[in-house]
Amino acid sequence: MSHDDLKRQYRWQCRRGASEAEVVLFAYLDDHFDNESPDHQAWFPKLLACEDADMFEWFTRRSEPQDPALREYVRHVLALVSAKKG
């Protein structure tokens, strides 16, 4: 699958019930994904596989993932997206 096809697939998967999750996911995909390392790019589909309710909690900073690697990735995504807003 080409990079563009993969991004189209991810874009579709970014559509969520919680708008807070969508805002973070779309901002990351649109503004940062292409410049990320292959390791960070590989984490994105793992994040997309998570439950909406969990992402809502993480992205509103009410909780963090229990998995240490996922926790670091979520922190990374939030830092990038927050820096772009500010």
N, C-alpha and C. Protein backbone atom coordinates (compact mmCIF):
# COMPACT_ATOMS: atom_id res chain seq x y z
N MET A 1 0.84 -1.17 0.00
CA MET A 1 0.00 0.00 0.00
C MET A 1 0.89 1.24 0.00
N SER A 2 0.56 2.22 -0.83
CA SER A 2 1.36 3.43 -0.91
C SER A 2 1.17 4.28 0.34
N HIS A 3 2.09 5.20 0.55
CA HIS A 3 2.01 6.10 1.70
C HIS A 3 0.70 6.90 1.66
N ASP A 4 0.34 7.40 0.49
CA ASP A 4 -0.90 8.18 0.36
C ASP A 4 -2.13 7.33 0.64
N ASP A 5 -2.13 6.10 0.16
CA ASP A 5 -3.25 5.20 0.44
C ASP A 5 -3.35 4.91 1.93
N LEU A 6 -2.21 4.71 2.56
CA LEU A 6 -2.18 4.46 3.99
C LEU A 6 -2.74 5.66 4.76
N LYS A 7 -2.34 6.85 4.36
CA LYS A 7 -2.86 8.05 5.03
C LYS A 7 -4.36 8.21 4.82
N ARG A 8 -4.85 7.86 3.64
CA ARG A 8 -6.31 7.90 3.40
C ARG A 8 -7.03 6.92 4.32
N GLN A 9 -6.46 5.75 4.49
CA GLN A 9 -7.05 4.76 5.39
C GLN A 9 -7.03 5.29 6.82
N TYR A 10 -5.91 5.85 7.25
CA TYR A 10 -5.82 6.42 8.60
C TYR A 10 -6.81 7.56 8.78
N ARG A 11 -6.94 8.39 7.75
CA ARG A 11 -7.88 9.52 7.84
C ARG A 11 -9.29 9.01 8.12
N TRP A 12 -9.67 7.95 7.44
CA TRP A 12 -10.99 7.37 7.67
C TRP A 12 -11.09 6.85 9.11
N GLN A 13 -10.04 6.21 9.60
CA GLN A 13 -10.04 5.65 10.95
C GLN A 13 -9.99 6.73 12.03
N CYS A 14 -9.58 7.94 11.67
CA CYS A 14 -9.55 9.04 12.64
C CYS A 14 -10.95 9.53 13.00
N ARG A 15 -11.93 9.20 12.21
CA ARG A 15 -13.30 9.61 12.49
C ARG A 15 -13.77 8.87 13.74
N ARG A 16 -14.11 9.64 14.76
CA ARG A 16 -14.46 9.06 16.05
C ARG A 16 -15.74 9.69 16.58
N GLY A 17 -16.29 9.05 17.62
CA GLY A 17 -17.48 9.59 18.28
C GLY A 17 -17.16 10.79 19.14
N ALA A 18 -15.94 10.86 19.63
CA ALA A 18 -15.54 11.97 20.50
C ALA A 18 -14.77 13.00 19.69
N SER A 19 -15.31 14.21 19.61
CA SER A 19 -14.65 15.23 18.80
C SER A 19 -13.27 15.57 19.33
N GLU A 20 -13.06 15.47 20.66
CA GLU A 20 -11.74 15.74 21.22
C GLU A 20 -10.70 14.78 20.66
N ALA A 21 -11.07 13.54 20.47
CA ALA A 21 -10.15 12.55 19.89
C ALA A 21 -9.90 12.89 18.42
N GLU A 22 -10.94 13.24 17.70
CA GLU A 22 -10.78 13.59 16.29
C GLU A 22 -9.84 14.77 16.10
N VAL A 23 -9.97 15.78 16.93
CA VAL A 23 -9.13 16.98 16.80
C VAL A 23 -7.66 16.60 16.90
N VAL A 24 -7.30 15.80 17.88
CA VAL A 24 -5.90 15.40 18.08
C VAL A 24 -5.44 14.49 16.95
N LEU A 25 -6.24 13.50 16.61
CA LEU A 25 -5.84 12.54 15.58
C LEU A 25 -5.64 13.21 14.22
N PHE A 26 -6.60 14.05 13.83
CA PHE A 26 -6.48 14.73 12.54
C PHE A 26 -5.31 15.71 12.53
N ALA A 27 -5.12 16.44 13.63
CA ALA A 27 -4.01 17.40 13.70
C ALA A 27 -2.67 16.67 13.57
N TYR A 28 -2.55 15.54 14.24
CA TYR A 28 -1.31 14.77 14.16
C TYR A 28 -1.11 14.24 12.74
N LEU A 29 -2.14 13.64 12.17
CA LEU A 29 -2.03 13.06 10.83
C LEU A 29 -1.72 14.14 9.79
N ASP A 30 -2.40 15.26 9.87
CA ASP A 30 -2.23 16.32 8.86
C ASP A 30 -0.92 17.09 9.01
N ASP A 31 -0.51 17.35 10.24
CA ASP A 31 0.60 18.27 10.47
C ASP A 31 1.92 17.62 10.84
N HIS A 32 1.89 16.36 11.27
CA HIS A 32 3.12 15.76 11.82
C HIS A 32 3.48 14.38 11.28
N PHE A 33 2.51 13.62 10.86
CA PHE A 33 2.74 12.22 10.51
C PHE A 33 3.84 12.05 9.46
N ASP A 34 3.81 12.85 8.42
CA ASP A 34 4.77 12.69 7.32
C ASP A 34 6.22 12.91 7.76
N ASN A 35 6.42 13.72 8.78
CA ASN A 35 7.77 14.04 9.24
C ASN A 35 8.26 13.14 10.37
N GLU A 36 7.44 12.22 10.78
CA GLU A 36 7.78 11.35 11.89
C GLU A 36 8.73 10.22 11.45
N SER A 37 9.42 9.67 12.43
CA SER A 37 10.27 8.51 12.18
C SER A 37 9.39 7.30 11.83
N PRO A 38 9.95 6.31 11.17
CA PRO A 38 9.17 5.10 10.89
C PRO A 38 8.62 4.45 12.17
N ASP A 39 9.38 4.51 13.25
CA ASP A 39 8.89 3.95 14.52
C ASP A 39 7.64 4.67 15.00
N HIS A 40 7.66 6.00 14.94
CA HIS A 40 6.48 6.75 15.37
C HIS A 40 5.33 6.54 14.42
N GLN A 41 5.61 6.47 13.13
CA GLN A 41 4.53 6.20 12.17
C GLN A 41 3.90 4.83 12.43
N ALA A 42 4.71 3.87 12.85
CA ALA A 42 4.20 2.52 13.12
C ALA A 42 3.29 2.49 14.34
N TRP A 43 3.44 3.44 15.24
CA TRP A 43 2.59 3.49 16.43
C TRP A 43 1.20 4.05 16.12
N PHE A 44 1.06 4.83 15.06
CA PHE A 44 -0.22 5.47 14.80
C PHE A 44 -1.37 4.47 14.62
N PRO A 45 -1.23 3.42 13.82
CA PRO A 45 -2.34 2.47 13.72
C PRO A 45 -2.64 1.76 15.05
N LYS A 46 -1.64 1.61 15.89
CA LYS A 46 -1.87 1.02 17.22
C LYS A 46 -2.73 1.96 18.05
N LEU A 47 -2.46 3.25 17.94
CA LEU A 47 -3.27 4.24 18.64
C LEU A 47 -4.70 4.23 18.10
N LEU A 48 -4.84 4.16 16.79
CA LEU A 48 -6.17 4.14 16.17
C LEU A 48 -6.98 2.91 16.59
N ALA A 49 -6.31 1.84 16.98
CA ALA A 49 -7.01 0.62 17.40
C ALA A 49 -7.56 0.73 18.82
N CYS A 50 -7.20 1.78 19.53
CA CYS A 50 -7.65 1.95 20.91
C CYS A 50 -9.11 2.42 20.93
N GLU A 51 -9.73 2.23 22.07
CA GLU A 51 -11.12 2.62 22.25
C GLU A 51 -11.25 4.15 22.28
N ASP A 52 -12.37 4.65 21.74
CA ASP A 52 -12.63 6.08 21.74
C ASP A 52 -12.61 6.66 23.15
N ALA A 53 -13.23 5.95 24.08
CA ALA A 53 -13.31 6.45 25.46
C ALA A 53 -11.92 6.59 26.08
N ASP A 54 -11.05 5.65 25.77
CA ASP A 54 -9.68 5.74 26.28
C ASP A 54 -8.96 6.95 25.68
N MET A 55 -9.08 7.11 24.37
CA MET A 55 -8.42 8.25 23.72
C MET A 55 -8.96 9.57 24.25
N PHE A 56 -10.25 9.64 24.49
CA PHE A 56 -10.83 10.86 25.06
C PHE A 56 -10.17 11.18 26.39
N GLU A 57 -10.02 10.19 27.24
CA GLU A 57 -9.38 10.38 28.55
C GLU A 57 -7.92 10.81 28.39
N TRP A 58 -7.20 10.19 27.49
CA TRP A 58 -5.79 10.50 27.29
C TRP A 58 -5.61 11.90 26.70
N PHE A 59 -6.42 12.22 25.69
CA PHE A 59 -6.24 13.47 24.97
C PHE A 59 -6.75 14.67 25.77
N THR A 60 -7.59 14.43 26.75
CA THR A 60 -8.02 15.50 27.65
C THR A 60 -7.18 15.49 28.93
N ARG A 61 -6.16 14.65 28.92
CA ARG A 61 -5.17 14.55 30.01
C ARG A 61 -5.80 14.16 31.35
N ARG A 62 -6.87 13.38 31.30
CA ARG A 62 -7.51 12.88 32.51
C ARG A 62 -6.85 11.59 33.00
N SER A 63 -6.25 10.88 32.05
CA SER A 63 -5.52 9.65 32.39
C SER A 63 -4.48 9.42 31.30
N GLU A 64 -3.70 8.35 31.46
CA GLU A 64 -2.69 7.97 30.49
C GLU A 64 -2.77 6.47 30.26
N PRO A 65 -2.28 6.02 29.11
CA PRO A 65 -2.26 4.58 28.85
C PRO A 65 -1.42 3.84 29.88
N GLN A 66 -1.82 2.63 30.21
CA GLN A 66 -1.05 1.83 31.15
C GLN A 66 0.22 1.29 30.51
N ASP A 67 0.17 0.97 29.24
CA ASP A 67 1.34 0.46 28.53
C ASP A 67 2.38 1.59 28.42
N PRO A 68 3.59 1.37 28.92
CA PRO A 68 4.60 2.44 28.93
C PRO A 68 4.94 2.98 27.54
N ALA A 69 5.05 2.11 26.55
CA ALA A 69 5.40 2.56 25.20
C ALA A 69 4.26 3.39 24.59
N LEU A 70 3.04 2.93 24.78
CA LEU A 70 1.89 3.68 24.27
C LEU A 70 1.77 5.01 25.02
N ARG A 71 2.02 5.00 26.31
CA ARG A 71 1.98 6.22 27.10
C ARG A 71 2.97 7.26 26.54
N GLU A 72 4.18 6.83 26.23
CA GLU A 72 5.18 7.74 25.67
C GLU A 72 4.75 8.26 24.30
N TYR A 73 4.15 7.40 23.49
CA TYR A 73 3.69 7.84 22.17
C TYR A 73 2.56 8.86 22.31
N VAL A 74 1.62 8.60 23.19
CA VAL A 74 0.51 9.55 23.40
C VAL A 74 1.07 10.89 23.89
N ARG A 75 2.00 10.86 24.80
CA ARG A 75 2.64 12.11 25.26
C ARG A 75 3.30 12.84 24.09
N HIS A 76 3.97 12.08 23.23
CA HIS A 76 4.64 12.65 22.06
C HIS A 76 3.62 13.33 21.14
N VAL A 77 2.56 12.63 20.83
CA VAL A 77 1.51 13.16 19.95
C VAL A 77 0.92 14.43 20.56
N LEU A 78 0.59 14.39 21.83
CA LEU A 78 0.00 15.56 22.49
C LEU A 78 0.97 16.74 22.50
N ALA A 79 2.24 16.47 22.70
CA ALA A 79 3.23 17.56 22.70
C ALA A 79 3.31 18.21 21.33
N LEU A 80 3.31 17.42 20.28
CA LEU A 80 3.36 17.97 18.92
C LEU A 80 2.12 18.78 18.60
N VAL A 81 0.97 18.22 18.90
CA VAL A 81 -0.29 18.89 18.59
C VAL A 81 -0.45 20.16 19.43
N SER A 82 -0.05 20.11 20.70
CA SER A 82 -0.15 21.28 21.57
C SER A 82 0.80 22.38 21.12
N ALA A 83 1.99 22.01 20.70
CA ALA A 83 2.98 23.00 20.25
C ALA A 83 2.48 23.73 19.01
N LYS A 84 1.79 23.02 18.14
CA LYS A 84 1.27 23.61 16.90
C LYS A 84 0.18 24.62 17.22
N LYS A 85 -0.64 24.34 18.25
CA LYS A 85 -1.72 25.27 18.64
C LYS A 85 -1.17 26.55 19.22
N GLY A 86 -0.10 26.39 20.02
CA GLY A 86 0.44 27.54 20.76
C GLY A 86 1.28 28.38 19.95
